[in-house]
Amino acid sequence: MPGKFVRSEQPESPPVPEIGTLLVDVSRDQVGEFRGEWCGWWCLRPVCGGTEWAVSPGDTQLAGPEERLRAETARANARSRGELL
């Protein structure tokens, strides 16, 4: 008797967000700005600038009001110090 094909139940990827959306990388506990998708991974960039990193879409969630406020304040402070253009 031939073997049965067993379909693995994998959770669906969340929909791809718009560029610039603030997301929380729960594996790193860090907020990043969505920059794009590459080979099934999402690329996030630190809010105050820096090196982008790749994260699995399943390890992200939308930034809540508190995380967004904290990230936007950090960006404004970095800009006032001349660290961002």
PDB file of N, CA and C in Angstrom:
ATOM      1  N   MET A   1       0.849  -1.179   0.000  1.00  0.00           N
ATOM      2  CA  MET A   1       0.000   0.000   0.000  1.00  0.00           C
ATOM      3  C   MET A   1       0.893   1.240   0.000  1.00  0.00           C
ATOM      4  N   PRO A   2       0.661   2.158  -0.921  1.00  0.00           N
ATOM      5  CA  PRO A   2       1.491   3.357  -0.971  1.00  0.00           C
ATOM      6  C   PRO A   2       1.246   4.243   0.252  1.00  0.00           C
ATOM      7  N   GLY A   3       2.299   5.014   0.623  1.00  0.00           N
ATOM      8  CA  GLY A   3       2.183   5.917   1.768  1.00  0.00           C
ATOM      9  C   GLY A   3       1.241   7.066   1.475  1.00  0.00           C
ATOM     10  N   LYS A   4       0.667   7.583   2.512  1.00  0.00           N
ATOM     11  CA  LYS A   4      -0.240   8.717   2.362  1.00  0.00           C
ATOM     12  C   LYS A   4       0.549  10.018   2.417  1.00  0.00           C
ATOM     13  N   PHE A   5       0.070  10.962   1.658  1.00  0.00           N
ATOM     14  CA  PHE A   5       0.643  12.297   1.713  1.00  0.00           C
ATOM     15  C   PHE A   5      -0.038  13.031   2.856  1.00  0.00           C
ATOM     16  N   VAL A   6       0.755  13.462   3.820  1.00  0.00           N
ATOM     17  CA  VAL A   6       0.199  14.187   4.961  1.00  0.00           C
ATOM     18  C   VAL A   6       0.499  15.666   4.771  1.00  0.00           C
ATOM     19  N   ARG A   7      -0.542  16.425   4.752  1.00  0.00           N
ATOM     20  CA  ARG A   7      -0.387  17.864   4.566  1.00  0.00           C
ATOM     21  C   ARG A   7      -0.074  18.504   5.916  1.00  0.00           C
ATOM     22  N   SER A   8       1.032  19.217   5.962  1.00  0.00           N
ATOM     23  CA  SER A   8       1.389  19.869   7.223  1.00  0.00           C
ATOM     24  C   SER A   8       0.577  21.148   7.361  1.00  0.00           C
ATOM     25  N   GLU A   9       0.087  21.353   8.533  1.00  0.00           N
ATOM     26  CA  GLU A   9      -0.699  22.547   8.820  1.00  0.00           C
ATOM     27  C   GLU A   9       0.232  23.629   9.343  1.00  0.00           C
ATOM     28  N   GLN A  10       0.618  24.533   8.465  1.00  0.00           N
ATOM     29  CA  GLN A  10       1.467  25.638   8.864  1.00  0.00           C
ATOM     30  C   GLN A  10       0.612  26.887   8.929  1.00  0.00           C
ATOM     31  N   PRO A  11       0.855  27.697   9.945  1.00  0.00           N
ATOM     32  CA  PRO A  11       0.072  28.930  10.015  1.00  0.00           C
ATOM     33  C   PRO A  11       0.400  29.832   8.830  1.00  0.00           C
ATOM     34  N   GLU A  12      -0.605  30.523   8.360  1.00  0.00           N
ATOM     35  CA  GLU A  12      -0.400  31.421   7.234  1.00  0.00           C
ATOM     36  C   GLU A  12       0.414  32.626   7.682  1.00  0.00           C
ATOM     37  N   SER A  13       1.210  33.135   6.767  1.00  0.00           N
ATOM     38  CA  SER A  13       1.981  34.343   7.055  1.00  0.00           C
ATOM     39  C   SER A  13       1.027  35.519   7.168  1.00  0.00           C
ATOM     40  N   PRO A  14       1.343  36.446   8.057  1.00  0.00           N
ATOM     41  CA  PRO A  14       0.508  37.645   8.119  1.00  0.00           C
ATOM     42  C   PRO A  14       0.661  38.440   6.822  1.00  0.00           C
ATOM     43  N   PRO A  15      -0.310  39.278   6.503  1.00  0.00           N
ATOM     44  CA  PRO A  15      -0.200  40.068   5.273  1.00  0.00           C
ATOM     45  C   PRO A  15       0.999  41.011   5.351  1.00  0.00           C
ATOM     46  N   VAL A  16       1.608  41.258   4.211  1.00  0.00           N
ATOM     47  CA  VAL A  16       2.783  42.129   4.159  1.00  0.00           C
ATOM     48  C   VAL A  16       2.350  43.563   4.459  1.00  0.00           C
ATOM     49  N   PRO A  17       2.983  44.193   5.458  1.00  0.00           N
ATOM     50  CA  PRO A  17       2.598  45.573   5.808  1.00  0.00           C
ATOM     51  C   PRO A  17       3.154  46.581   4.805  1.00  0.00           C
ATOM     52  N   GLU A  18       2.695  47.804   4.914  1.00  0.00           N
ATOM     53  CA  GLU A  18       3.202  48.877   4.070  1.00  0.00           C
ATOM     54  C   GLU A  18       4.602  49.269   4.531  1.00  0.00           C
ATOM     55  N   ILE A  19       5.404  49.756   3.602  1.00  0.00           N
ATOM     56  CA  ILE A  19       6.742  50.248   3.927  1.00  0.00           C
ATOM     57  C   ILE A  19       6.610  51.360   4.971  1.00  0.00           C
ATOM     58  N   GLY A  20       7.419  51.295   5.997  1.00  0.00           N
ATOM     59  CA  GLY A  20       7.403  52.315   7.048  1.00  0.00           C
ATOM     60  C   GLY A  20       6.578  51.947   8.261  1.00  0.00           C
ATOM     61  N   THR A  21       5.828  50.849   8.196  1.00  0.00           N
ATOM     62  CA  THR A  21       5.021  50.411   9.333  1.00  0.00           C
ATOM     63  C   THR A  21       5.939  49.987  10.476  1.00  0.00           C
ATOM     64  N   LEU A  22       5.606  50.425  11.682  1.00  0.00           N
ATOM     65  CA  LEU A  22       6.404  50.042  12.846  1.00  0.00           C
ATOM     66  C   LEU A  22       5.940  48.681  13.350  1.00  0.00           C
ATOM     67  N   LEU A  23       6.897  47.765  13.484  1.00  0.00           N
ATOM     68  CA  LEU A  23       6.626  46.411  13.948  1.00  0.00           C
ATOM     69  C   LEU A  23       7.533  46.088  15.126  1.00  0.00           C
ATOM     70  N   VAL A  24       7.083  45.173  15.957  1.00  0.00           N
ATOM     71  CA  VAL A  24       7.899  44.677  17.058  1.00  0.00           C
ATOM     72  C   VAL A  24       8.413  43.302  16.658  1.00  0.00           C
ATOM     73  N   ASP A  25       9.721  43.138  16.690  1.00  0.00           N
ATOM     74  CA  ASP A  25      10.342  41.831  16.490  1.00  0.00           C
ATOM     75  C   ASP A  25      10.351  41.170  17.866  1.00  0.00           C
ATOM     76  N   VAL A  26       9.431  40.236  18.085  1.00  0.00           N
ATOM     77  CA  VAL A  26       9.288  39.640  19.415  1.00  0.00           C
ATOM     78  C   VAL A  26      10.465  38.745  19.779  1.00  0.00           C
ATOM     79  N   SER A  27      11.212  38.260  18.781  1.00  0.00           N
ATOM     80  CA  SER A  27      12.375  37.424  19.086  1.00  0.00           C
ATOM     81  C   SER A  27      13.534  38.260  19.624  1.00  0.00           C
ATOM     82  N   ARG A  28      13.585  39.538  19.259  1.00  0.00           N
ATOM     83  CA  ARG A  28      14.649  40.440  19.726  1.00  0.00           C
ATOM     84  C   ARG A  28      14.136  41.475  20.708  1.00  0.00           C
ATOM     85  N   ASP A  29      12.815  41.568  20.853  1.00  0.00           N
ATOM     86  CA  ASP A  29      12.172  42.584  21.682  1.00  0.00           C
ATOM     87  C   ASP A  29      12.642  43.974  21.243  1.00  0.00           C
ATOM     88  N   GLN A  30      12.525  44.220  19.940  1.00  0.00           N
ATOM     89  CA  GLN A  30      12.992  45.478  19.367  1.00  0.00           C
ATOM     90  C   GLN A  30      11.988  45.970  18.343  1.00  0.00           C
ATOM     91  N   VAL A  31      11.772  47.286  18.327  1.00  0.00           N
ATOM     92  CA  VAL A  31      10.871  47.898  17.357  1.00  0.00           C
ATOM     93  C   VAL A  31      11.675  48.262  16.118  1.00  0.00           C
ATOM     94  N   GLY A  32      11.106  47.984  14.962  1.00  0.00           N
ATOM     95  CA  GLY A  32      11.759  48.323  13.704  1.00  0.00           C
ATOM     96  C   GLY A  32      10.746  48.807  12.688  1.00  0.00           C
ATOM     97  N   GLU A  33      11.248  49.488  11.691  1.00  0.00           N
ATOM     98  CA  GLU A  33      10.426  50.001  10.608  1.00  0.00           C
ATOM     99  C   GLU A  33      10.492  49.009   9.451  1.00  0.00           C
ATOM    100  N   PHE A  34       9.342  48.588   8.963  1.00  0.00           N
ATOM    101  CA  PHE A  34       9.292  47.620   7.868  1.00  0.00           C
ATOM    102  C   PHE A  34       9.871  48.244   6.611  1.00  0.00           C
ATOM    103  N   ARG A  35      10.829  47.544   5.968  1.00  0.00           N
ATOM    104  CA  ARG A  35      11.487  48.051   4.772  1.00  0.00           C
ATOM    105  C   ARG A  35      11.208  47.214   3.539  1.00  0.00           C
ATOM    106  N   GLY A  36      10.727  45.990   3.710  1.00  0.00           N
ATOM    107  CA  GLY A  36      10.417  45.164   2.550  1.00  0.00           C
ATOM    108  C   GLY A  36      10.503  43.688   2.871  1.00  0.00           C
ATOM    109  N   GLU A  37      10.246  42.880   1.845  1.00  0.00           N
ATOM    110  CA  GLU A  37      10.247  41.426   1.993  1.00  0.00           C
ATOM    111  C   GLU A  37      11.330  40.852   1.093  1.00  0.00           C
ATOM    112  N   TRP A  38      12.013  39.827   1.572  1.00  0.00           N
ATOM    113  CA  TRP A  38      13.081  39.201   0.813  1.00  0.00           C
ATOM    114  C   TRP A  38      13.075  37.711   1.114  1.00  0.00           C
ATOM    115  N   CYS A  39      12.763  36.907   0.133  1.00  0.00           N
ATOM    116  CA  CYS A  39      12.773  35.440   0.245  1.00  0.00           C
ATOM    117  C   CYS A  39      11.962  34.932   1.433  1.00  0.00           C
ATOM    118  N   GLY A  40      10.821  35.517   1.676  1.00  0.00           N
ATOM    119  CA  GLY A  40       9.967  35.079   2.777  1.00  0.00           C
ATOM    120  C   GLY A  40      10.303  35.693   4.122  1.00  0.00           C
ATOM    121  N   TRP A  41      11.355  36.482   4.189  1.00  0.00           N
ATOM    122  CA  TRP A  41      11.740  37.172   5.429  1.00  0.00           C
ATOM    123  C   TRP A  41      11.372  38.640   5.294  1.00  0.00           C
ATOM    124  N   TRP A  42      11.068  39.265   6.419  1.00  0.00           N
ATOM    125  CA  TRP A  42      10.784  40.689   6.421  1.00  0.00           C
ATOM    126  C   TRP A  42      12.013  41.428   6.906  1.00  0.00           C
ATOM    127  N   CYS A  43      12.312  42.532   6.264  1.00  0.00           N
ATOM    128  CA  CYS A  43      13.461  43.351   6.645  1.00  0.00           C
ATOM    129  C   CYS A  43      12.974  44.529   7.482  1.00  0.00           C
ATOM    130  N   LEU A  44      13.568  44.675   8.655  1.00  0.00           N
ATOM    131  CA  LEU A  44      13.244  45.779   9.547  1.00  0.00           C
ATOM    132  C   LEU A  44      14.488  46.621   9.748  1.00  0.00           C
ATOM    133  N   ARG A  45      14.292  47.916   9.958  1.00  0.00           N
ATOM    134  CA  ARG A  45      15.388  48.830  10.206  1.00  0.00           C
ATOM    135  C   ARG A  45      15.144  49.508  11.546  1.00  0.00           C
ATOM    136  N   PRO A  46      16.179  49.673  12.360  1.00  0.00           N
ATOM    137  CA  PRO A  46      15.993  50.383  13.629  1.00  0.00           C
ATOM    138  C   PRO A  46      15.415  51.776  13.372  1.00  0.00           C
ATOM    139  N   VAL A  47      14.573  52.221  14.256  1.00  0.00           N
ATOM    140  CA  VAL A  47      13.878  53.495  14.083  1.00  0.00           C
ATOM    141  C   VAL A  47      14.862  54.662  14.036  1.00  0.00           C
ATOM    142  N   CYS A  48      15.934  54.594  14.792  1.00  0.00           N
ATOM    143  CA  CYS A  48      16.926  55.678  14.827  1.00  0.00           C
ATOM    144  C   CYS A  48      18.039  55.474  13.817  1.00  0.00           C
ATOM    145  N   GLY A  49      17.865  54.592  12.858  1.00  0.00           N
ATOM    146  CA  GLY A  49      18.875  54.322  11.860  1.00  0.00           C
ATOM    147  C   GLY A  49      19.758  53.161  12.279  1.00  0.00           C
ATOM    148  N   GLY A  50      20.471  52.639  11.341  1.00  0.00           N
ATOM    149  CA  GLY A  50      21.355  51.517  11.625  1.00  0.00           C
ATOM    150  C   GLY A  50      21.166  50.398  10.623  1.00  0.00           C
ATOM    151  N   THR A  51      21.743  49.273  10.941  1.00  0.00           N
ATOM    152  CA  THR A  51      21.727  48.118  10.056  1.00  0.00           C
ATOM    153  C   THR A  51      20.387  47.402  10.110  1.00  0.00           C
ATOM    154  N   GLU A  52      19.853  47.104   8.937  1.00  0.00           N
ATOM    155  CA  GLU A  52      18.600  46.343   8.859  1.00  0.00           C
ATOM    156  C   GLU A  52      18.852  44.907   9.298  1.00  0.00           C
ATOM    157  N   TRP A  53      17.786  44.250   9.722  1.00  0.00           N
ATOM    158  CA  TRP A  53      17.875  42.832  10.045  1.00  0.00           C
ATOM    159  C   TRP A  53      16.661  42.124   9.471  1.00  0.00           C
ATOM    160  N   ALA A  54      16.805  40.841   9.267  1.00  0.00           N
ATOM    161  CA  ALA A  54      15.720  40.023   8.710  1.00  0.00           C
ATOM    162  C   ALA A  54      15.043  39.272   9.838  1.00  0.00           C
ATOM    163  N   VAL A  55      13.739  39.145   9.723  1.00  0.00           N
ATOM    164  CA  VAL A  55      12.953  38.463  10.745  1.00  0.00           C
ATOM    165  C   VAL A  55      11.862  37.652  10.053  1.00  0.00           C
ATOM    166  N   SER A  56      11.526  36.533  10.649  1.00  0.00           N
ATOM    167  CA  SER A  56      10.415  35.731  10.157  1.00  0.00           C
ATOM    168  C   SER A  56       9.107  36.494  10.410  1.00  0.00           C
ATOM    169  N   PRO A  57       8.205  36.528   9.443  1.00  0.00           N
ATOM    170  CA  PRO A  57       6.943  37.249   9.644  1.00  0.00           C
ATOM    171  C   PRO A  57       6.175  36.781  10.880  1.00  0.00           C
ATOM    172  N   GLY A  58       6.330  35.518  11.253  1.00  0.00           N
ATOM    173  CA  GLY A  58       5.638  35.003  12.434  1.00  0.00           C
ATOM    174  C   GLY A  58       6.176  35.534  13.742  1.00  0.00           C
ATOM    175  N   ASP A  59       7.368  36.131  13.701  1.00  0.00           N
ATOM    176  CA  ASP A  59       7.980  36.690  14.910  1.00  0.00           C
ATOM    177  C   ASP A  59       7.739  38.184  15.040  1.00  0.00           C
ATOM    178  N   THR A  60       6.762  38.707  14.318  1.00  0.00           N
ATOM    179  CA  THR A  60       6.478  40.142  14.383  1.00  0.00           C
ATOM    180  C   THR A  60       5.044  40.387  14.809  1.00  0.00           C
ATOM    181  N   GLN A  61       4.843  41.575  15.319  1.00  0.00           N
ATOM    182  CA  GLN A  61       3.490  42.046  15.601  1.00  0.00           C
ATOM    183  C   GLN A  61       3.491  43.553  15.419  1.00  0.00           C
ATOM    184  N   LEU A  62       2.330  44.115  15.129  1.00  0.00           N
ATOM    185  CA  LEU A  62       2.243  45.561  14.978  1.00  0.00           C
ATOM    186  C   LEU A  62       2.615  46.233  16.290  1.00  0.00           C
ATOM    187  N   ALA A  63       3.336  47.327  16.192  1.00  0.00           N
ATOM    188  CA  ALA A  63       3.695  48.083  17.384  1.00  0.00           C
ATOM    189  C   ALA A  63       2.434  48.726  17.952  1.00  0.00           C
ATOM    190  N   GLY A  64       2.270  48.602  19.248  1.00  0.00           N
ATOM    191  CA  GLY A  64       1.138  49.217  19.921  1.00  0.00           C
ATOM    192  C   GLY A  64       1.385  50.703  20.132  1.00  0.00           C
ATOM    193  N   PRO A  65       0.415  51.411  20.681  1.00  0.00           N
ATOM    194  CA  PRO A  65       0.569  52.855  20.879  1.00  0.00           C
ATOM    195  C   PRO A  65       1.795  53.221  21.731  1.00  0.00           C
ATOM    196  N   GLU A  66       2.059  52.458  22.771  1.00  0.00           N
ATOM    197  CA  GLU A  66       3.199  52.755  23.635  1.00  0.00           C
ATOM    198  C   GLU A  66       4.524  52.562  22.901  1.00  0.00           C
ATOM    199  N   GLU A  67       4.647  51.462  22.156  1.00  0.00           N
ATOM    200  CA  GLU A  67       5.882  51.205  21.405  1.00  0.00           C
ATOM    201  C   GLU A  67       6.086  52.240  20.299  1.00  0.00           C
ATOM    202  N   ARG A  68       4.991  52.618  19.627  1.00  0.00           N
ATOM    203  CA  ARG A  68       5.108  53.638  18.577  1.00  0.00           C
ATOM    204  C   ARG A  68       5.551  54.975  19.155  1.00  0.00           C
ATOM    205  N   LEU A  69       4.954  55.372  20.282  1.00  0.00           N
ATOM    206  CA  LEU A  69       5.311  56.639  20.908  1.00  0.00           C
ATOM    207  C   LEU A  69       6.773  56.632  21.342  1.00  0.00           C
ATOM    208  N   ARG A  70       7.213  55.534  21.938  1.00  0.00           N
ATOM    209  CA  ARG A  70       8.608  55.422  22.377  1.00  0.00           C
ATOM    210  C   ARG A  70       9.560  55.502  21.179  1.00  0.00           C
ATOM    211  N   ALA A  71       9.235  54.809  20.091  1.00  0.00           N
ATOM    212  CA  ALA A  71      10.087  54.810  18.901  1.00  0.00           C
ATOM    213  C   ALA A  71      10.112  56.187  18.238  1.00  0.00           C
ATOM    214  N   GLU A  72       8.967  56.823  18.125  1.00  0.00           N
ATOM    215  CA  GLU A  72       8.920  58.138  17.492  1.00  0.00           C
ATOM    216  C   GLU A  72       9.626  59.190  18.334  1.00  0.00           C
ATOM    217  N   THR A  73       9.560  59.080  19.647  1.00  0.00           N
ATOM    218  CA  THR A  73      10.282  59.997  20.530  1.00  0.00           C
ATOM    219  C   THR A  73      11.782  59.783  20.397  1.00  0.00           C
ATOM    220  N   ALA A  74      12.217  58.535  20.331  1.00  0.00           N
ATOM    221  CA  ALA A  74      13.643  58.246  20.157  1.00  0.00           C
ATOM    222  C   ALA A  74      14.134  58.802  18.828  1.00  0.00           C
ATOM    223  N   ARG A  75      13.322  58.683  17.774  1.00  0.00           N
ATOM    224  CA  ARG A  75      13.699  59.224  16.466  1.00  0.00           C
ATOM    225  C   ARG A  75      13.812  60.750  16.527  1.00  0.00           C
ATOM    226  N   ALA A  76      12.845  61.407  17.159  1.00  0.00           N
ATOM    227  CA  ALA A  76      12.873  62.869  17.271  1.00  0.00           C
ATOM    228  C   ALA A  76      14.083  63.329  18.086  1.00  0.00           C
ATOM    229  N   ASN A  77      14.402  62.630  19.150  1.00  0.00           N
ATOM    230  CA  ASN A  77      15.565  62.992  19.967  1.00  0.00           C
ATOM    231  C   ASN A  77      16.860  62.809  19.182  1.00  0.00           C
ATOM    232  N   ALA A  78      16.970  61.716  18.424  1.00  0.00           N
ATOM    233  CA  ALA A  78      18.169  61.484  17.621  1.00  0.00           C
ATOM    234  C   ALA A  78      18.299  62.570  16.554  1.00  0.00           C
ATOM    235  N   ARG A  79      17.190  62.950  15.968  1.00  0.00           N
ATOM    236  CA  ARG A  79      17.226  64.006  14.942  1.00  0.00           C
ATOM    237  C   ARG A  79      17.652  65.335  15.565  1.00  0.00           C
ATOM    238  N   SER A  80      17.174  65.650  16.771  1.00  0.00           N
ATOM    239  CA  SER A  80      17.549  66.919  17.407  1.00  0.00           C
ATOM    240  C   SER A  80      19.027  66.941  17.804  1.00  0.00           C
ATOM    241  N   ARG A  81      19.612  65.780  18.034  1.00  0.00           N
ATOM    242  CA  ARG A  81      21.043  65.697  18.357  1.00  0.00           C
ATOM    243  C   ARG A  81      21.906  65.685  17.098  1.00  0.00           C
ATOM    244  N   GLY A  82      21.274  65.667  15.928  1.00  0.00           N
ATOM    245  CA  GLY A  82      22.009  65.657  14.666  1.00  0.00           C
ATOM    246  C   GLY A  82      22.446  64.271  14.221  1.00  0.00           C
ATOM    247  N   GLU A  83      21.889  63.243  14.839  1.00  0.00           N
ATOM    248  CA  GLU A  83      22.260  61.882  14.476  1.00  0.00           C
ATOM    249  C   GLU A  83      21.499  61.382  13.254  1.00  0.00           C
ATOM    250  N   LEU A  84      20.378  62.014  12.941  1.00  0.00           N
ATOM    251  CA  LEU A  84      19.581  61.651  11.771  1.00  0.00           C
ATOM    252  C   LEU A  84      19.360  62.883  10.924  1.00  0.00           C
ATOM    253  N   LEU A  85      19.266  62.692   9.620  1.00  0.00           N
ATOM    254  CA  LEU A  85      18.951  63.816   8.735  1.00  0.00           C
ATOM    255  C   LEU A  85      17.487  63.848   8.459  1.00  0.00           C
TER     256      LEU A  85
END
